[in-house]
N, C-alpha and C. Protein backbone atom coordinates (compact mmCIF):
# COMPACT_ATOMS: atom_id res chain seq x y z
N UNK A 1 106.10 -306.95 -121.56
CA UNK A 1 106.96 -305.80 -121.53
C UNK A 1 106.34 -304.59 -122.19
N UNK A 2 105.89 -304.74 -123.44
CA UNK A 2 105.38 -303.61 -124.19
C UNK A 2 104.05 -303.12 -123.61
N UNK A 3 103.25 -304.04 -123.13
CA UNK A 3 101.95 -303.67 -122.55
C UNK A 3 102.13 -302.79 -121.32
N UNK A 4 103.10 -303.11 -120.49
CA UNK A 4 103.38 -302.33 -119.29
C UNK A 4 103.82 -300.92 -119.67
N UNK A 5 104.60 -300.79 -120.73
CA UNK A 5 105.06 -299.48 -121.18
C UNK A 5 103.93 -298.62 -121.69
N UNK A 6 102.98 -299.23 -122.41
CA UNK A 6 101.82 -298.49 -122.90
C UNK A 6 100.94 -298.04 -121.74
N UNK A 7 100.77 -298.93 -120.78
CA UNK A 7 99.96 -298.57 -119.60
C UNK A 7 100.60 -297.41 -118.85
N UNK A 8 101.89 -297.46 -118.68
CA UNK A 8 102.61 -296.40 -117.97
C UNK A 8 102.49 -295.08 -118.73
N UNK A 9 102.59 -295.12 -120.06
CA UNK A 9 102.47 -293.90 -120.86
C UNK A 9 101.05 -293.32 -120.75
N UNK A 10 100.04 -294.18 -120.77
CA UNK A 10 98.66 -293.72 -120.62
C UNK A 10 98.41 -293.10 -119.25
N UNK A 11 98.96 -293.73 -118.21
CA UNK A 11 98.82 -293.18 -116.85
C UNK A 11 99.55 -291.83 -116.74
N UNK A 12 100.69 -291.73 -117.38
CA UNK A 12 101.46 -290.49 -117.35
C UNK A 12 100.66 -289.36 -118.02
N UNK A 13 100.04 -289.65 -119.18
CA UNK A 13 99.22 -288.66 -119.87
C UNK A 13 98.04 -288.22 -119.00
N UNK A 14 97.39 -289.22 -118.38
CA UNK A 14 96.24 -288.91 -117.51
C UNK A 14 96.68 -288.04 -116.33
N UNK A 15 97.84 -288.37 -115.77
CA UNK A 15 98.37 -287.60 -114.64
C UNK A 15 98.66 -286.16 -115.06
N UNK A 16 99.23 -285.96 -116.23
CA UNK A 16 99.51 -284.61 -116.71
C UNK A 16 98.21 -283.83 -116.92
N UNK A 17 97.20 -284.48 -117.47
CA UNK A 17 95.91 -283.84 -117.70
C UNK A 17 95.28 -283.42 -116.37
N UNK A 18 95.34 -284.33 -115.38
CA UNK A 18 94.78 -284.02 -114.06
C UNK A 18 95.54 -282.87 -113.40
N UNK A 19 96.85 -282.82 -113.62
CA UNK A 19 97.65 -281.75 -113.03
C UNK A 19 97.29 -280.40 -113.64
N UNK A 20 97.07 -280.37 -114.96
CA UNK A 20 96.66 -279.12 -115.63
C UNK A 20 95.30 -278.67 -115.10
N UNK A 21 94.37 -279.61 -114.94
CA UNK A 21 93.04 -279.27 -114.40
C UNK A 21 93.16 -278.74 -112.97
N UNK A 22 94.02 -279.37 -112.18
CA UNK A 22 94.22 -278.95 -110.80
C UNK A 22 94.77 -277.52 -110.75
N UNK A 23 95.76 -277.21 -111.59
CA UNK A 23 96.34 -275.87 -111.60
C UNK A 23 95.30 -274.82 -112.01
N UNK A 24 94.45 -275.17 -112.98
CA UNK A 24 93.41 -274.23 -113.40
C UNK A 24 92.41 -273.99 -112.26
N UNK A 25 92.05 -275.07 -111.58
CA UNK A 25 91.12 -274.95 -110.45
C UNK A 25 91.75 -274.12 -109.33
N UNK A 26 93.02 -274.34 -109.08
CA UNK A 26 93.73 -273.61 -108.04
C UNK A 26 93.77 -272.12 -108.38
N UNK A 27 94.06 -271.80 -109.64
CA UNK A 27 94.11 -270.39 -110.07
C UNK A 27 92.74 -269.73 -109.90
N UNK A 28 91.67 -270.47 -110.21
CA UNK A 28 90.32 -269.94 -110.05
C UNK A 28 90.02 -269.65 -108.58
N UNK A 29 90.43 -270.55 -107.70
CA UNK A 29 90.21 -270.35 -106.26
C UNK A 29 90.98 -269.12 -105.76
N UNK A 30 92.22 -268.98 -106.20
CA UNK A 30 93.02 -267.82 -105.80
C UNK A 30 92.35 -266.53 -106.27
N UNK A 31 91.86 -266.52 -107.51
CA UNK A 31 91.19 -265.33 -108.03
C UNK A 31 89.93 -265.01 -107.23
N UNK A 32 89.16 -266.04 -106.88
CA UNK A 32 87.95 -265.83 -106.07
C UNK A 32 88.31 -265.26 -104.71
N UNK A 33 89.37 -265.76 -104.11
CA UNK A 33 89.80 -265.26 -102.80
C UNK A 33 90.24 -263.81 -102.88
N UNK A 34 90.94 -263.44 -103.95
CA UNK A 34 91.36 -262.05 -104.13
C UNK A 34 90.15 -261.14 -104.27
N UNK A 35 89.17 -261.59 -105.03
CA UNK A 35 87.96 -260.80 -105.22
C UNK A 35 87.21 -260.63 -103.91
N UNK A 36 87.21 -261.66 -103.07
CA UNK A 36 86.49 -261.57 -101.80
C UNK A 36 87.20 -260.66 -100.81
N UNK A 37 88.48 -260.38 -101.05
CA UNK A 37 89.22 -259.49 -100.15
C UNK A 37 88.93 -258.02 -100.43
N UNK A 38 88.33 -257.72 -101.58
CA UNK A 38 88.00 -256.33 -101.89
C UNK A 38 87.00 -255.81 -100.88
N UNK A 39 87.05 -254.52 -100.63
CA UNK A 39 86.06 -253.96 -99.72
C UNK A 39 84.71 -253.87 -100.42
N UNK A 40 83.68 -253.72 -99.65
CA UNK A 40 82.33 -253.74 -100.18
C UNK A 40 82.10 -252.60 -101.17
N UNK A 41 82.73 -251.47 -100.97
CA UNK A 41 82.57 -250.34 -101.87
C UNK A 41 83.11 -250.63 -103.26
N UNK A 42 84.18 -251.38 -103.33
CA UNK A 42 84.76 -251.71 -104.63
C UNK A 42 83.87 -252.69 -105.39
N UNK A 43 83.20 -253.57 -104.67
CA UNK A 43 82.34 -254.56 -105.32
C UNK A 43 81.07 -253.93 -105.86
N UNK A 44 80.49 -253.03 -105.08
CA UNK A 44 79.19 -252.46 -105.44
C UNK A 44 79.29 -250.96 -105.54
N UNK A 45 80.11 -250.48 -106.43
CA UNK A 45 80.29 -249.04 -106.56
C UNK A 45 79.10 -248.39 -107.23
N UNK A 46 78.22 -249.18 -107.84
CA UNK A 46 77.04 -248.63 -108.47
C UNK A 46 77.34 -247.92 -109.78
N UNK A 47 78.54 -248.06 -110.25
CA UNK A 47 78.89 -247.44 -111.52
C UNK A 47 78.96 -245.93 -111.45
N UNK A 48 79.18 -245.36 -110.25
CA UNK A 48 79.21 -243.91 -110.13
C UNK A 48 80.63 -243.36 -110.23
N UNK A 49 81.52 -244.15 -110.83
CA UNK A 49 82.88 -243.69 -110.99
C UNK A 49 82.95 -242.39 -111.78
N UNK A 50 81.99 -242.17 -112.66
CA UNK A 50 81.98 -240.96 -113.45
C UNK A 50 81.05 -239.89 -112.90
N UNK A 51 80.51 -240.11 -111.70
CA UNK A 51 79.59 -239.14 -111.12
C UNK A 51 80.33 -237.85 -110.79
N UNK A 52 79.67 -236.74 -110.98
CA UNK A 52 80.29 -235.45 -110.70
C UNK A 52 80.43 -235.26 -109.20
N UNK A 53 81.25 -234.31 -108.84
CA UNK A 53 81.46 -234.00 -107.43
C UNK A 53 80.14 -233.56 -106.81
N UNK A 54 79.39 -232.76 -107.54
CA UNK A 54 78.10 -232.27 -107.01
C UNK A 54 77.15 -233.44 -106.76
N UNK A 55 77.12 -234.39 -107.68
CA UNK A 55 76.22 -235.53 -107.52
C UNK A 55 76.64 -236.39 -106.33
N UNK A 56 77.94 -236.63 -106.19
CA UNK A 56 78.41 -237.42 -105.05
C UNK A 56 78.13 -236.70 -103.73
N UNK A 57 78.32 -235.38 -103.71
CA UNK A 57 78.03 -234.60 -102.51
C UNK A 57 76.54 -234.69 -102.18
N UNK A 58 75.70 -234.59 -103.21
CA UNK A 58 74.25 -234.70 -102.99
C UNK A 58 73.90 -236.07 -102.41
N UNK A 59 74.49 -237.11 -102.96
CA UNK A 59 74.21 -238.46 -102.45
C UNK A 59 74.62 -238.59 -100.99
N UNK A 60 75.80 -238.05 -100.66
CA UNK A 60 76.27 -238.12 -99.27
C UNK A 60 75.35 -237.32 -98.35
N UNK A 61 74.85 -236.19 -98.84
CA UNK A 61 74.00 -235.33 -98.01
C UNK A 61 72.63 -235.95 -97.79
N UNK A 62 72.17 -236.79 -98.71
CA UNK A 62 70.83 -237.35 -98.58
C UNK A 62 70.81 -238.71 -97.90
N UNK A 63 71.97 -239.26 -97.55
CA UNK A 63 71.99 -240.53 -96.84
C UNK A 63 71.38 -240.32 -95.47
N UNK A 64 70.44 -241.15 -95.11
CA UNK A 64 69.83 -241.09 -93.79
C UNK A 64 68.64 -240.16 -93.68
N UNK A 65 68.20 -239.55 -94.77
CA UNK A 65 67.02 -238.69 -94.70
C UNK A 65 65.80 -239.56 -94.42
N UNK A 66 64.95 -239.07 -93.55
CA UNK A 66 63.83 -239.87 -93.08
C UNK A 66 62.59 -239.69 -93.94
N UNK A 67 62.29 -238.46 -94.31
CA UNK A 67 61.05 -238.22 -95.04
C UNK A 67 61.33 -237.82 -96.48
N UNK A 68 60.33 -237.97 -97.30
CA UNK A 68 60.44 -237.56 -98.70
C UNK A 68 60.59 -236.04 -98.78
N UNK A 69 59.98 -235.33 -97.84
CA UNK A 69 60.09 -233.88 -97.82
C UNK A 69 61.55 -233.44 -97.61
N UNK A 70 62.27 -234.12 -96.70
CA UNK A 70 63.68 -233.81 -96.49
C UNK A 70 64.46 -234.01 -97.78
N UNK A 71 64.15 -235.08 -98.49
CA UNK A 71 64.85 -235.37 -99.75
C UNK A 71 64.54 -234.29 -100.78
N UNK A 72 63.27 -233.90 -100.90
CA UNK A 72 62.89 -232.87 -101.86
C UNK A 72 63.61 -231.55 -101.56
N UNK A 73 63.67 -231.22 -100.27
CA UNK A 73 64.34 -229.99 -99.86
C UNK A 73 65.82 -230.04 -100.26
N UNK A 74 66.46 -231.18 -100.02
CA UNK A 74 67.88 -231.33 -100.39
C UNK A 74 68.05 -231.25 -101.90
N UNK A 75 67.11 -231.83 -102.64
CA UNK A 75 67.19 -231.79 -104.10
C UNK A 75 67.02 -230.36 -104.59
N UNK A 76 66.10 -229.62 -104.01
CA UNK A 76 65.90 -228.22 -104.40
C UNK A 76 67.14 -227.40 -104.08
N UNK A 77 67.75 -227.65 -102.91
CA UNK A 77 68.98 -226.94 -102.54
C UNK A 77 70.07 -227.23 -103.56
N UNK A 78 70.16 -228.48 -103.98
CA UNK A 78 71.18 -228.86 -104.96
C UNK A 78 70.92 -228.19 -106.30
N UNK A 79 69.66 -228.17 -106.73
CA UNK A 79 69.33 -227.51 -108.00
C UNK A 79 69.61 -226.03 -107.91
N UNK A 80 69.26 -225.42 -106.80
CA UNK A 80 69.52 -223.99 -106.61
C UNK A 80 71.00 -223.69 -106.68
N UNK A 81 71.82 -224.54 -106.09
CA UNK A 81 73.27 -224.35 -106.14
C UNK A 81 73.79 -224.44 -107.55
N UNK A 82 73.25 -225.37 -108.34
CA UNK A 82 73.67 -225.51 -109.72
C UNK A 82 73.28 -224.28 -110.53
N UNK A 83 72.06 -223.76 -110.31
CA UNK A 83 71.62 -222.59 -111.06
C UNK A 83 72.48 -221.38 -110.72
N UNK A 84 72.82 -221.24 -109.45
CA UNK A 84 73.66 -220.10 -109.05
C UNK A 84 75.02 -220.19 -109.70
N UNK A 85 75.57 -221.40 -109.76
CA UNK A 85 76.87 -221.57 -110.39
C UNK A 85 76.80 -221.25 -111.88
N UNK A 86 75.69 -221.64 -112.52
CA UNK A 86 75.53 -221.37 -113.95
C UNK A 86 75.38 -219.88 -114.21
N UNK A 87 74.82 -219.15 -113.23
CA UNK A 87 74.60 -217.72 -113.39
C UNK A 87 75.79 -216.89 -112.91
N UNK A 88 76.96 -217.46 -112.90
CA UNK A 88 78.14 -216.68 -112.54
C UNK A 88 78.72 -217.05 -111.20
N UNK A 89 78.13 -217.97 -110.48
CA UNK A 89 78.71 -218.45 -109.24
C UNK A 89 78.44 -217.57 -108.04
N UNK A 90 77.65 -216.52 -108.18
CA UNK A 90 77.39 -215.65 -107.04
C UNK A 90 76.43 -216.33 -106.08
N UNK A 91 76.76 -216.27 -104.80
CA UNK A 91 75.87 -216.81 -103.78
C UNK A 91 75.89 -218.32 -103.67
N UNK A 92 76.76 -218.99 -104.39
CA UNK A 92 76.81 -220.45 -104.29
C UNK A 92 77.43 -220.82 -102.96
N UNK A 93 76.80 -221.78 -102.29
CA UNK A 93 77.28 -222.20 -100.98
C UNK A 93 78.59 -222.97 -101.15
N UNK A 94 79.47 -222.79 -100.17
CA UNK A 94 80.73 -223.53 -100.20
C UNK A 94 80.43 -225.01 -99.94
N UNK A 95 81.18 -225.91 -100.53
CA UNK A 95 80.93 -227.33 -100.29
C UNK A 95 81.12 -227.65 -98.81
N UNK A 96 80.28 -228.54 -98.32
CA UNK A 96 80.34 -228.89 -96.90
C UNK A 96 81.46 -229.87 -96.65
N UNK A 97 82.07 -229.72 -95.49
CA UNK A 97 83.13 -230.65 -95.11
C UNK A 97 82.48 -231.94 -94.61
N UNK A 98 83.31 -232.96 -94.49
CA UNK A 98 82.78 -234.24 -94.00
C UNK A 98 82.24 -234.09 -92.58
N UNK A 99 82.88 -233.24 -91.77
CA UNK A 99 82.40 -233.02 -90.40
C UNK A 99 81.01 -232.38 -90.40
N UNK A 100 80.81 -231.41 -91.29
CA UNK A 100 79.49 -230.76 -91.37
C UNK A 100 78.43 -231.75 -91.84
N UNK A 101 78.78 -232.58 -92.83
CA UNK A 101 77.82 -233.58 -93.31
C UNK A 101 77.48 -234.57 -92.21
N UNK A 102 78.48 -234.98 -91.44
CA UNK A 102 78.25 -235.92 -90.34
C UNK A 102 77.36 -235.28 -89.27
N UNK A 103 77.61 -234.01 -88.95
CA UNK A 103 76.80 -233.31 -87.95
C UNK A 103 75.34 -233.23 -88.42
N UNK A 104 75.12 -232.94 -89.70
CA UNK A 104 73.76 -232.89 -90.23
C UNK A 104 73.08 -234.25 -90.13
N UNK A 105 73.81 -235.30 -90.46
CA UNK A 105 73.25 -236.65 -90.40
C UNK A 105 72.84 -236.99 -88.96
N UNK A 106 73.68 -236.63 -88.01
CA UNK A 106 73.37 -236.91 -86.60
C UNK A 106 72.14 -236.12 -86.17
N UNK A 107 72.04 -234.85 -86.60
CA UNK A 107 70.86 -234.04 -86.26
C UNK A 107 69.59 -234.67 -86.83
N UNK A 108 69.67 -235.15 -88.08
CA UNK A 108 68.49 -235.80 -88.69
C UNK A 108 68.11 -237.06 -87.93
N UNK A 109 69.11 -237.82 -87.49
CA UNK A 109 68.80 -239.05 -86.74
C UNK A 109 68.13 -238.72 -85.42
N UNK A 110 68.61 -237.67 -84.75
CA UNK A 110 68.01 -237.28 -83.47
C UNK A 110 66.59 -236.81 -83.66
N UNK A 111 66.32 -236.08 -84.76
CA UNK A 111 64.95 -235.60 -85.03
C UNK A 111 64.00 -236.77 -85.26
N UNK A 112 64.50 -237.80 -85.89
CA UNK A 112 63.61 -238.93 -86.22
C UNK A 112 63.28 -239.78 -85.01
N UNK A 113 64.03 -239.65 -83.94
CA UNK A 113 63.78 -240.46 -82.74
C UNK A 113 62.73 -239.92 -81.86
């Protein structure tokens, strides 16, 4: 009689331990699935959350540049824009719209072909 009760109590403890482990494993799987649902930009933002508007605009403008010369020219344009803004903002170019940036990217792709 008593032996059966001890065995049952031991099995009950083991079952509770296994259930706790199962719940922890299940929670880990759910968390992994949630993380995998994030878009690629959220996973690999590159830590540019604090990047200035000018820096982000420069990065967008330089995507798809084919030659180092194109990149240097874009960098010089960006530096020139910053200097103009520092000198009172006269002659600073208006920020480009997404449509203008897209049109430039398409022109660069056509040139490279």
